[in-house]
Amino acid sequence: MASGKKFCELINSDQPVLVDFYATWCGPCQMMQPILQETAAKIGDKAKILKVDVDKNPLAASKYQVRGVPTLILFRNGQPVWRQSGVVPAHQLEQVIRQHTLEKA
């Protein structure tokens, strides 16, 4: 997974970056995996999708006040523009990403 510096570089991109804060022991997190794969296939290069294991990256989880997993945060130019905890359906993720790719920061 991305190191701290690399993580900051990735989320500071003009391209939206959806970050899935997850844990390997989390059942709902495992349910998100195929949803994220489906979303990635639909959105192509409109956004990046990153997975951050909160147990291996506690500083990132703490910085963004991730209290439960899964927590999804969409970043644009380093700023969180959307966040939600829990399982999110693929069509909702796709809609949120498309909304933030059409807006120019």
PDB file of N, CA and C in Angstrom:
ATOM      1  N   MET A   1       0.851  -1.183   0.000  1.00  0.00           N
ATOM      2  CA  MET A   1       0.000   0.000   0.000  1.00  0.00           C
ATOM      3  C   MET A   1       0.885   1.230   0.000  1.00  0.00           C
ATOM      4  N   ALA A   2       0.300   2.330  -0.352  1.00  0.00           N
ATOM      5  CA  ALA A   2       1.047   3.572  -0.498  1.00  0.00           C
ATOM      6  C   ALA A   2       1.632   4.036   0.829  1.00  0.00           C
ATOM      7  N   SER A   3       2.859   4.519   0.775  1.00  0.00           N
ATOM      8  CA  SER A   3       3.461   5.115   1.962  1.00  0.00           C
ATOM      9  C   SER A   3       2.787   6.463   2.209  1.00  0.00           C
ATOM     10  N   GLY A   4       3.057   7.073   3.349  1.00  0.00           N
ATOM     11  CA  GLY A   4       2.440   8.346   3.689  1.00  0.00           C
ATOM     12  C   GLY A   4       2.649   9.408   2.621  1.00  0.00           C
ATOM     13  N   LYS A   5       3.892   9.557   2.159  1.00  0.00           N
ATOM     14  CA  LYS A   5       4.193  10.582   1.151  1.00  0.00           C
ATOM     15  C   LYS A   5       3.479  10.260  -0.155  1.00  0.00           C
ATOM     16  N   LYS A   6       3.543   9.017  -0.559  1.00  0.00           N
ATOM     17  CA  LYS A   6       2.897   8.597  -1.793  1.00  0.00           C
ATOM     18  C   LYS A   6       1.387   8.814  -1.700  1.00  0.00           C
ATOM     19  N   PHE A   7       0.796   8.497  -0.553  1.00  0.00           N
ATOM     20  CA  PHE A   7      -0.634   8.681  -0.337  1.00  0.00           C
ATOM     21  C   PHE A   7      -1.004  10.149  -0.550  1.00  0.00           C
ATOM     22  N   CYS A   8      -0.223  11.057   0.047  1.00  0.00           N
ATOM     23  CA  CYS A   8      -0.484  12.492  -0.098  1.00  0.00           C
ATOM     24  C   CYS A   8      -0.374  12.936  -1.559  1.00  0.00           C
ATOM     25  N   GLU A   9       0.624  12.417  -2.264  1.00  0.00           N
ATOM     26  CA  GLU A   9       0.771  12.755  -3.683  1.00  0.00           C
ATOM     27  C   GLU A   9      -0.446  12.289  -4.471  1.00  0.00           C
ATOM     28  N   LEU A  10      -0.908  11.075  -4.184  1.00  0.00           N
ATOM     29  CA  LEU A  10      -2.044  10.523  -4.924  1.00  0.00           C
ATOM     30  C   LEU A  10      -3.321  11.312  -4.681  1.00  0.00           C
ATOM     31  N   ILE A  11      -3.609  11.657  -3.418  1.00  0.00           N
ATOM     32  CA  ILE A  11      -4.865  12.361  -3.157  1.00  0.00           C
ATOM     33  C   ILE A  11      -4.810  13.829  -3.548  1.00  0.00           C
ATOM     34  N   ASN A  12      -3.614  14.372  -3.780  1.00  0.00           N
ATOM     35  CA  ASN A  12      -3.497  15.763  -4.203  1.00  0.00           C
ATOM     36  C   ASN A  12      -3.657  15.928  -5.710  1.00  0.00           C
ATOM     37  N   SER A  13      -3.971  14.868  -6.383  1.00  0.00           N
ATOM     38  CA  SER A  13      -4.175  14.906  -7.820  1.00  0.00           C
ATOM     39  C   SER A  13      -5.452  15.657  -8.169  1.00  0.00           C
ATOM     40  N   ASP A  14      -5.476  16.227  -9.361  1.00  0.00           N
ATOM     41  CA  ASP A  14      -6.691  16.863  -9.880  1.00  0.00           C
ATOM     42  C   ASP A  14      -7.741  15.780 -10.174  1.00  0.00           C
ATOM     43  N   GLN A  15      -7.241  14.580 -10.446  1.00  0.00           N
ATOM     44  CA  GLN A  15      -8.146  13.449 -10.696  1.00  0.00           C
ATOM     45  C   GLN A  15      -8.749  13.010  -9.356  1.00  0.00           C
ATOM     46  N   PRO A  16     -10.067  12.819  -9.274  1.00  0.00           N
ATOM     47  CA  PRO A  16     -10.654  12.340  -8.018  1.00  0.00           C
ATOM     48  C   PRO A  16     -10.053  10.996  -7.612  1.00  0.00           C
ATOM     49  N   VAL A  17      -9.872  10.822  -6.303  1.00  0.00           N
ATOM     50  CA  VAL A  17      -9.330   9.581  -5.759  1.00  0.00           C
ATOM     51  C   VAL A  17     -10.286   9.096  -4.675  1.00  0.00           C
ATOM     52  N   LEU A  18     -10.853   7.911  -4.887  1.00  0.00           N
ATOM     53  CA  LEU A  18     -11.739   7.303  -3.900  1.00  0.00           C
ATOM     54  C   LEU A  18     -10.889   6.404  -3.017  1.00  0.00           C
ATOM     55  N   VAL A  19     -10.872   6.699  -1.720  1.00  0.00           N
ATOM     56  CA  VAL A  19     -10.074   5.913  -0.783  1.00  0.00           C
ATOM     57  C   VAL A  19     -11.015   5.065   0.068  1.00  0.00           C
ATOM     58  N   ASP A  20     -10.758   3.769   0.059  1.00  0.00           N
ATOM     59  CA  ASP A  20     -11.516   2.812   0.871  1.00  0.00           C
ATOM     60  C   ASP A  20     -10.668   2.489   2.090  1.00  0.00           C
ATOM     61  N   PHE A  21     -11.043   3.052   3.239  1.00  0.00           N
ATOM     62  CA  PHE A  21     -10.386   2.709   4.498  1.00  0.00           C
ATOM     63  C   PHE A  21     -11.055   1.431   4.992  1.00  0.00           C
ATOM     64  N   TYR A  22     -10.272   0.353   5.106  1.00  0.00           N
ATOM     65  CA  TYR A  22     -10.839  -0.957   5.414  1.00  0.00           C
ATOM     66  C   TYR A  22      -9.961  -1.705   6.407  1.00  0.00           C
ATOM     67  N   ALA A  23     -10.469  -2.855   6.843  1.00  0.00           N
ATOM     68  CA  ALA A  23      -9.688  -3.777   7.666  1.00  0.00           C
ATOM     69  C   ALA A  23      -9.920  -5.189   7.141  1.00  0.00           C
ATOM     70  N   THR A  24      -8.889  -6.012   7.200  1.00  0.00           N
ATOM     71  CA  THR A  24      -8.992  -7.365   6.642  1.00  0.00           C
ATOM     72  C   THR A  24     -10.008  -8.224   7.389  1.00  0.00           C
ATOM     73  N   TRP A  25     -10.235  -7.938   8.674  1.00  0.00           N
ATOM     74  CA  TRP A  25     -11.145  -8.722   9.507  1.00  0.00           C
ATOM     75  C   TRP A  25     -12.600  -8.254   9.399  1.00  0.00           C
ATOM     76  N   CYS A  26     -12.852  -7.222   8.620  1.00  0.00           N
ATOM     77  CA  CYS A  26     -14.165  -6.576   8.562  1.00  0.00           C
ATOM     78  C   CYS A  26     -15.042  -7.199   7.469  1.00  0.00           C
ATOM     79  N   GLY A  27     -16.167  -7.798   7.860  1.00  0.00           N
ATOM     80  CA  GLY A  27     -17.089  -8.417   6.900  1.00  0.00           C
ATOM     81  C   GLY A  27     -17.628  -7.446   5.859  1.00  0.00           C
ATOM     82  N   PRO A  28     -18.189  -6.295   6.275  1.00  0.00           N
ATOM     83  CA  PRO A  28     -18.678  -5.329   5.284  1.00  0.00           C
ATOM     84  C   PRO A  28     -17.580  -4.836   4.345  1.00  0.00           C
ATOM     85  N   CYS A  29     -16.336  -4.758   4.850  1.00  0.00           N
ATOM     86  CA  CYS A  29     -15.215  -4.345   3.995  1.00  0.00           C
ATOM     87  C   CYS A  29     -15.015  -5.356   2.867  1.00  0.00           C
ATOM     88  N   GLN A  30     -15.156  -6.638   3.205  1.00  0.00           N
ATOM     89  CA  GLN A  30     -15.007  -7.685   2.189  1.00  0.00           C
ATOM     90  C   GLN A  30     -16.132  -7.596   1.163  1.00  0.00           C
ATOM     91  N   MET A  31     -17.321  -7.168   1.607  1.00  0.00           N
ATOM     92  CA  MET A  31     -18.441  -6.985   0.681  1.00  0.00           C
ATOM     93  C   MET A  31     -18.171  -5.832  -0.289  1.00  0.00           C
ATOM     94  N   MET A  32     -17.356  -4.858   0.128  1.00  0.00           N
ATOM     95  CA  MET A  32     -17.057  -3.705  -0.722  1.00  0.00           C
ATOM     96  C   MET A  32     -16.126  -4.049  -1.875  1.00  0.00           C
ATOM     97  N   GLN A  33     -15.302  -5.086  -1.725  1.00  0.00           N
ATOM     98  CA  GLN A  33     -14.301  -5.407  -2.749  1.00  0.00           C
ATOM     99  C   GLN A  33     -14.908  -5.577  -4.146  1.00  0.00           C
ATOM    100  N   PRO A  34     -15.921  -6.453  -4.332  1.00  0.00           N
ATOM    101  CA  PRO A  34     -16.485  -6.579  -5.678  1.00  0.00           C
ATOM    102  C   PRO A  34     -17.201  -5.310  -6.137  1.00  0.00           C
ATOM    103  N   ILE A  35     -17.757  -4.543  -5.208  1.00  0.00           N
ATOM    104  CA  ILE A  35     -18.413  -3.273  -5.554  1.00  0.00           C
ATOM    105  C   ILE A  35     -17.379  -2.289  -6.090  1.00  0.00           C
ATOM    106  N   LEU A  36     -16.222  -2.223  -5.435  1.00  0.00           N
ATOM    107  CA  LEU A  36     -15.154  -1.331  -5.894  1.00  0.00           C
ATOM    108  C   LEU A  36     -14.622  -1.766  -7.258  1.00  0.00           C
ATOM    109  N   GLN A  37     -14.516  -3.082  -7.461  1.00  0.00           N
ATOM    110  CA  GLN A  37     -14.047  -3.586  -8.763  1.00  0.00           C
ATOM    111  C   GLN A  37     -15.042  -3.216  -9.865  1.00  0.00           C
ATOM    112  N   GLU A  38     -16.331  -3.367  -9.570  1.00  0.00           N
ATOM    113  CA  GLU A  38     -17.366  -3.009 -10.549  1.00  0.00           C
ATOM    114  C   GLU A  38     -17.318  -1.512 -10.847  1.00  0.00           C
ATOM    115  N   THR A  39     -17.173  -0.712  -9.803  1.00  0.00           N
ATOM    116  CA  THR A  39     -17.102   0.740  -9.968  1.00  0.00           C
ATOM    117  C   THR A  39     -15.886   1.122 -10.801  1.00  0.00           C
ATOM    118  N   ALA A  40     -14.743   0.533 -10.504  1.00  0.00           N
ATOM    119  CA  ALA A  40     -13.514   0.827 -11.256  1.00  0.00           C
ATOM    120  C   ALA A  40     -13.694   0.502 -12.733  1.00  0.00           C
ATOM    121  N   ALA A  41     -14.357  -0.616 -13.016  1.00  0.00           N
ATOM    122  CA  ALA A  41     -14.586  -1.007 -14.412  1.00  0.00           C
ATOM    123  C   ALA A  41     -15.480   0.010 -15.124  1.00  0.00           C
ATOM    124  N   LYS A  42     -16.456   0.554 -14.418  1.00  0.00           N
ATOM    125  CA  LYS A  42     -17.399   1.501 -15.033  1.00  0.00           C
ATOM    126  C   LYS A  42     -16.811   2.895 -15.209  1.00  0.00           C
ATOM    127  N   ILE A  43     -15.996   3.336 -14.276  1.00  0.00           N
ATOM    128  CA  ILE A  43     -15.495   4.714 -14.338  1.00  0.00           C
ATOM    129  C   ILE A  43     -14.185   4.842 -15.102  1.00  0.00           C
ATOM    130  N   GLY A  44     -13.521   3.717 -15.328  1.00  0.00           N
ATOM    131  CA  GLY A  44     -12.275   3.746 -16.087  1.00  0.00           C
ATOM    132  C   GLY A  44     -11.249   4.666 -15.450  1.00  0.00           C
ATOM    133  N   ASP A  45     -10.711   5.599 -16.252  1.00  0.00           N
ATOM    134  CA  ASP A  45      -9.654   6.479 -15.731  1.00  0.00           C
ATOM    135  C   ASP A  45     -10.194   7.816 -15.215  1.00  0.00           C
ATOM    136  N   LYS A  46     -11.499   7.905 -14.984  1.00  0.00           N
ATOM    137  CA  LYS A  46     -12.074   9.146 -14.445  1.00  0.00           C
ATOM    138  C   LYS A  46     -11.648   9.387 -12.998  1.00  0.00           C
ATOM    139  N   ALA A  47     -11.299   8.306 -12.295  1.00  0.00           N
ATOM    140  CA  ALA A  47     -10.874   8.414 -10.895  1.00  0.00           C
ATOM    141  C   ALA A  47     -10.002   7.218 -10.550  1.00  0.00           C
ATOM    142  N   LYS A  48      -9.204   7.399  -9.512  1.00  0.00           N
ATOM    143  CA  LYS A  48      -8.414   6.291  -8.976  1.00  0.00           C
ATOM    144  C   LYS A  48      -9.142   5.748  -7.755  1.00  0.00           C
ATOM    145  N   ILE A  49      -8.951   4.472  -7.472  1.00  0.00           N
ATOM    146  CA  ILE A  49      -9.492   3.873  -6.262  1.00  0.00           C
ATOM    147  C   ILE A  49      -8.324   3.285  -5.481  1.00  0.00           C
ATOM    148  N   LEU A  50      -8.193   3.723  -4.231  1.00  0.00           N
ATOM    149  CA  LEU A  50      -7.130   3.240  -3.350  1.00  0.00           C
ATOM    150  C   LEU A  50      -7.739   2.506  -2.172  1.00  0.00           C
ATOM    151  N   LYS A  51      -7.076   1.474  -1.718  1.00  0.00           N
ATOM    152  CA  LYS A  51      -7.501   0.784  -0.505  1.00  0.00           C
ATOM    153  C   LYS A  51      -6.443   1.040   0.561  1.00  0.00           C
ATOM    154  N   VAL A  52      -6.893   1.458   1.746  1.00  0.00           N
ATOM    155  CA  VAL A  52      -5.976   1.733   2.848  1.00  0.00           C
ATOM    156  C   VAL A  52      -6.399   0.880   4.042  1.00  0.00           C
ATOM    157  N   ASP A  53      -5.517  -0.028   4.438  1.00  0.00           N
ATOM    158  CA  ASP A  53      -5.766  -0.898   5.590  1.00  0.00           C
ATOM    159  C   ASP A  53      -5.523  -0.074   6.855  1.00  0.00           C
ATOM    160  N   VAL A  54      -6.591   0.143   7.639  1.00  0.00           N
ATOM    161  CA  VAL A  54      -6.469   1.001   8.828  1.00  0.00           C
ATOM    162  C   VAL A  54      -5.542   0.401   9.878  1.00  0.00           C
ATOM    163  N   ASP A  55      -5.390  -0.918   9.898  1.00  0.00           N
ATOM    164  CA  ASP A  55      -4.485  -1.542  10.870  1.00  0.00           C
ATOM    165  C   ASP A  55      -3.024  -1.313  10.500  1.00  0.00           C
ATOM    166  N   LYS A  56      -2.739  -1.191   9.205  1.00  0.00           N
ATOM    167  CA  LYS A  56      -1.366  -0.961   8.748  1.00  0.00           C
ATOM    168  C   LYS A  56      -1.065   0.524   8.584  1.00  0.00           C
ATOM    169  N   ASN A  57      -2.102   1.347   8.495  1.00  0.00           N
ATOM    170  CA  ASN A  57      -1.932   2.785   8.270  1.00  0.00           C
ATOM    171  C   ASN A  57      -2.762   3.596   9.266  1.00  0.00           C
ATOM    172  N   PRO A  58      -2.492   3.422  10.565  1.00  0.00           N
ATOM    173  CA  PRO A  58      -3.318   4.109  11.568  1.00  0.00           C
ATOM    174  C   PRO A  58      -3.227   5.632  11.498  1.00  0.00           C
ATOM    175  N   LEU A  59      -2.100   6.165  11.029  1.00  0.00           N
ATOM    176  CA  LEU A  59      -1.967   7.625  10.947  1.00  0.00           C
ATOM    177  C   LEU A  59      -2.917   8.210   9.905  1.00  0.00           C
ATOM    178  N   ALA A  60      -3.027   7.554   8.759  1.00  0.00           N
ATOM    179  CA  ALA A  60      -3.952   8.035   7.726  1.00  0.00           C
ATOM    180  C   ALA A  60      -5.388   7.951   8.231  1.00  0.00           C
ATOM    181  N   ALA A  61      -5.730   6.849   8.884  1.00  0.00           N
ATOM    182  CA  ALA A  61      -7.081   6.685   9.420  1.00  0.00           C
ATOM    183  C   ALA A  61      -7.369   7.752  10.471  1.00  0.00           C
ATOM    184  N   SER A  62      -6.391   8.026  11.304  1.00  0.00           N
ATOM    185  CA  SER A  62      -6.553   9.041  12.344  1.00  0.00           C
ATOM    186  C   SER A  62      -6.680  10.433  11.755  1.00  0.00           C
ATOM    187  N   LYS A  63      -5.842  10.733  10.771  1.00  0.00           N
ATOM    188  CA  LYS A  63      -5.854  12.066  10.151  1.00  0.00           C
ATOM    189  C   LYS A  63      -7.227  12.395   9.577  1.00  0.00           C
ATOM    190  N   TYR A  64      -7.886  11.408   8.995  1.00  0.00           N
ATOM    191  CA  TYR A  64      -9.194  11.635   8.363  1.00  0.00           C
ATOM    192  C   TYR A  64     -10.350  11.183   9.257  1.00  0.00           C
ATOM    193  N   GLN A  65     -10.053  10.971  10.541  1.00  0.00           N
ATOM    194  CA  GLN A  65     -11.059  10.658  11.558  1.00  0.00           C
ATOM    195  C   GLN A  65     -11.945   9.482  11.164  1.00  0.00           C
ATOM    196  N   VAL A  66     -11.293   8.433  10.666  1.00  0.00           N
ATOM    197  CA  VAL A  66     -12.011   7.211  10.316  1.00  0.00           C
ATOM    198  C   VAL A  66     -12.286   6.461  11.615  1.00  0.00           C
ATOM    199  N   ARG A  67     -13.550   6.361  11.974  1.00  0.00           N
ATOM    200  CA  ARG A  67     -13.949   5.727  13.231  1.00  0.00           C
ATOM    201  C   ARG A  67     -14.475   4.310  13.023  1.00  0.00           C
ATOM    202  N   GLY A  68     -14.956   4.037  11.820  1.00  0.00           N
ATOM    203  CA  GLY A  68     -15.479   2.713  11.515  1.00  0.00           C
ATOM    204  C   GLY A  68     -15.070   2.322  10.113  1.00  0.00           C
ATOM    205  N   VAL A  69     -15.080   1.043   9.854  1.00  0.00           N
ATOM    206  CA  VAL A  69     -14.727   0.564   8.519  1.00  0.00           C
ATOM    207  C   VAL A  69     -15.893  -0.260   7.971  1.00  0.00           C
ATOM    208  N   PRO A  70     -16.118  -0.242   6.678  1.00  0.00           N
ATOM    209  CA  PRO A  70     -15.398   0.576   5.698  1.00  0.00           C
ATOM    210  C   PRO A  70     -15.850   2.037   5.751  1.00  0.00           C
ATOM    211  N   THR A  71     -14.904   2.933   5.530  1.00  0.00           N
ATOM    212  CA  THR A  71     -15.210   4.343   5.312  1.00  0.00           C
ATOM    213  C   THR A  71     -14.615   4.709   3.966  1.00  0.00           C
ATOM    214  N   LEU A  72     -15.447   5.286   3.124  1.00  0.00           N
ATOM    215  CA  LEU A  72     -15.018   5.704   1.789  1.00  0.00           C
ATOM    216  C   LEU A  72     -14.935   7.219   1.779  1.00  0.00           C
ATOM    217  N   ILE A  73     -13.814   7.743   1.295  1.00  0.00           N
ATOM    218  CA  ILE A  73     -13.641   9.191   1.180  1.00  0.00           C
ATOM    219  C   ILE A  73     -13.174   9.488  -0.242  1.00  0.00           C
ATOM    220  N   LEU A  74     -13.867  10.424  -0.890  1.00  0.00           N
ATOM    221  CA  LEU A  74     -13.464  10.860  -2.225  1.00  0.00           C
ATOM    222  C   LEU A  74     -12.683  12.156  -2.076  1.00  0.00           C
ATOM    223  N   PHE A  75     -11.445  12.146  -2.569  1.00  0.00           N
ATOM    224  CA  PHE A  75     -10.579  13.326  -2.503  1.00  0.00           C
ATOM    225  C   PHE A  75     -10.474  13.955  -3.877  1.00  0.00           C
ATOM    226  N   ARG A  76     -10.381  15.277  -3.895  1.00  0.00           N
ATOM    227  CA  ARG A  76     -10.094  16.009  -5.121  1.00  0.00           C
ATOM    228  C   ARG A  76      -9.140  17.126  -4.736  1.00  0.00           C
ATOM    229  N   ASN A  77      -7.999  17.182  -5.370  1.00  0.00           N
ATOM    230  CA  ASN A  77      -6.969  18.170  -5.041  1.00  0.00           C
ATOM    231  C   ASN A  77      -6.609  18.144  -3.559  1.00  0.00           C
ATOM    232  N   GLY A  78      -6.565  16.941  -2.975  1.00  0.00           N
ATOM    233  CA  GLY A  78      -6.160  16.786  -1.586  1.00  0.00           C
ATOM    234  C   GLY A  78      -7.258  17.039  -0.564  1.00  0.00           C
ATOM    235  N   GLN A  79      -8.419  17.468  -1.025  1.00  0.00           N
ATOM    236  CA  GLN A  79      -9.514  17.787  -0.110  1.00  0.00           C
ATOM    237  C   GLN A  79     -10.590  16.710  -0.160  1.00  0.00           C
ATOM    238  N   PRO A  80     -11.095  16.284   1.010  1.00  0.00           N
ATOM    239  CA  PRO A  80     -12.223  15.355   0.998  1.00  0.00           C
ATOM    240  C   PRO A  80     -13.469  16.081   0.487  1.00  0.00           C
ATOM    241  N   VAL A  81     -14.089  15.545  -0.557  1.00  0.00           N
ATOM    242  CA  VAL A  81     -15.285  16.180  -1.119  1.00  0.00           C
ATOM    243  C   VAL A  81     -16.544  15.352  -0.855  1.00  0.00           C
ATOM    244  N   TRP A  82     -16.364  14.116  -0.379  1.00  0.00           N
ATOM    245  CA  TRP A  82     -17.492  13.235  -0.065  1.00  0.00           C
ATOM    246  C   TRP A  82     -16.967  12.122   0.825  1.00  0.00           C
ATOM    247  N   ARG A  83     -17.803  11.694   1.768  1.00  0.00           N
ATOM    248  CA  ARG A  83     -17.414  10.543   2.584  1.00  0.00           C
ATOM    249  C   ARG A  83     -18.657   9.828   3.063  1.00  0.00           C
ATOM    250  N   GLN A  84     -18.503   8.525   3.249  1.00  0.00           N
ATOM    251  CA  GLN A  84     -19.591   7.721   3.786  1.00  0.00           C
ATOM    252  C   GLN A  84     -19.007   6.464   4.407  1.00  0.00           C
ATOM    253  N   SER A  85     -19.605   6.058   5.512  1.00  0.00           N
ATOM    254  CA  SER A  85     -19.194   4.811   6.158  1.00  0.00           C
ATOM    255  C   SER A  85     -20.207   3.735   5.826  1.00  0.00           C
ATOM    256  N   GLY A  86     -19.727   2.499   5.815  1.00  0.00           N
ATOM    257  CA  GLY A  86     -20.600   1.370   5.515  1.00  0.00           C
ATOM    258  C   GLY A  86     -20.513   0.971   4.059  1.00  0.00           C
ATOM    259  N   VAL A  87     -21.282  -0.053   3.718  1.00  0.00           N
ATOM    260  CA  VAL A  87     -21.297  -0.561   2.345  1.00  0.00           C
ATOM    261  C   VAL A  87     -22.083   0.415   1.467  1.00  0.00           C
ATOM    262  N   VAL A  88     -21.473   0.818   0.358  1.00  0.00           N
ATOM    263  CA  VAL A  88     -22.090   1.763  -0.571  1.00  0.00           C
ATOM    264  C   VAL A  88     -22.299   1.043  -1.896  1.00  0.00           C
ATOM    265  N   PRO A  89     -23.520   1.067  -2.453  1.00  0.00           N
ATOM    266  CA  PRO A  89     -23.772   0.389  -3.730  1.00  0.00           C
ATOM    267  C   PRO A  89     -22.946   0.995  -4.868  1.00  0.00           C
ATOM    268  N   ALA A  90     -22.606   0.165  -5.834  1.00  0.00           N
ATOM    269  CA  ALA A  90     -21.766   0.600  -6.963  1.00  0.00           C
ATOM    270  C   ALA A  90     -22.379   1.781  -7.705  1.00  0.00           C
ATOM    271  N   HIS A  91     -23.699   1.750  -7.933  1.00  0.00           N
ATOM    272  CA  HIS A  91     -24.324   2.847  -8.696  1.00  0.00           C
ATOM    273  C   HIS A  91     -24.192   4.180  -7.954  1.00  0.00           C
ATOM    274  N   GLN A  92     -24.225   4.151  -6.622  1.00  0.00           N
ATOM    275  CA  GLN A  92     -24.063   5.386  -5.846  1.00  0.00           C
ATOM    276  C   GLN A  92     -22.626   5.883  -5.932  1.00  0.00           C
ATOM    277  N   LEU A  93     -21.659   4.978  -5.814  1.00  0.00           N
ATOM    278  CA  LEU A  93     -20.248   5.375  -5.942  1.00  0.00           C
ATOM    279  C   LEU A  93     -19.977   5.977  -7.317  1.00  0.00           C
ATOM    280  N   GLU A  94     -20.499   5.330  -8.341  1.00  0.00           N
ATOM    281  CA  GLU A  94     -20.301   5.812  -9.706  1.00  0.00           C
ATOM    282  C   GLU A  94     -20.894   7.216  -9.862  1.00  0.00           C
ATOM    283  N   GLN A  95     -22.083   7.424  -9.309  1.00  0.00           N
ATOM    284  CA  GLN A  95     -22.753   8.717  -9.394  1.00  0.00           C
ATOM    285  C   GLN A  95     -21.935   9.807  -8.687  1.00  0.00           C
ATOM    286  N   VAL A  96     -21.436   9.503  -7.497  1.00  0.00           N
ATOM    287  CA  VAL A  96     -20.636  10.467  -6.729  1.00  0.00           C
ATOM    288  C   VAL A  96     -19.360  10.814  -7.492  1.00  0.00           C
ATOM    289  N   ILE A  97     -18.686   9.811  -8.025  1.00  0.00           N
ATOM    290  CA  ILE A  97     -17.433  10.046  -8.763  1.00  0.00           C
ATOM    291  C   ILE A  97     -17.707  10.881 -10.005  1.00  0.00           C
ATOM    292  N   ARG A  98     -18.752  10.527 -10.748  1.00  0.00           N
ATOM    293  CA  ARG A  98     -19.070  11.294 -11.958  1.00  0.00           C
ATOM    294  C   ARG A  98     -19.402  12.750 -11.622  1.00  0.00           C
ATOM    295  N   GLN A  99     -20.116  12.953 -10.537  1.00  0.00           N
ATOM    296  CA  GLN A  99     -20.466  14.309 -10.101  1.00  0.00           C
ATOM    297  C   GLN A  99     -19.206  15.136  -9.851  1.00  0.00           C
ATOM    298  N   HIS A 100     -18.204  14.515  -9.248  1.00  0.00           N
ATOM    299  CA  HIS A 100     -16.979  15.237  -8.911  1.00  0.00           C
ATOM    300  C   HIS A 100     -15.976  15.293 -10.055  1.00  0.00           C
ATOM    301  N   THR A 101     -16.180  14.520 -11.109  1.00  0.00           N
ATOM    302  CA  THR A 101     -15.301  14.654 -12.274  1.00  0.00           C
ATOM    303  C   THR A 101     -15.831  15.739 -13.195  1.00  0.00           C
ATOM    304  N   LEU A 102     -17.117  15.992 -13.156  1.00  0.00           N
ATOM    305  CA  LEU A 102     -17.697  17.031 -14.015  1.00  0.00           C
ATOM    306  C   LEU A 102     -17.447  18.422 -13.446  1.00  0.00           C
ATOM    307  N   GLU A 103     -17.415  18.514 -12.103  1.00  0.00           N
ATOM    308  CA  GLU A 103     -17.128  19.804 -11.473  1.00  0.00           C
ATOM    309  C   GLU A 103     -15.653  20.117 -11.646  1.00  0.00           C
ATOM    310  N   LYS A 104     -15.363  21.317 -11.946  1.00  0.00           N
ATOM    311  CA  LYS A 104     -13.948  21.727 -11.985  1.00  0.00           C
ATOM    312  C   LYS A 104     -13.637  22.477 -10.703  1.00  0.00           C
ATOM    313  N   ALA A 105     -12.582  22.068 -10.058  1.00  0.00           N
ATOM    314  CA  ALA A 105     -12.233  22.676  -8.764  1.00  0.00           C
ATOM    315  C   ALA A 105     -11.716  24.093  -8.977  1.00  0.00           C
TER     316      ALA A 105
END
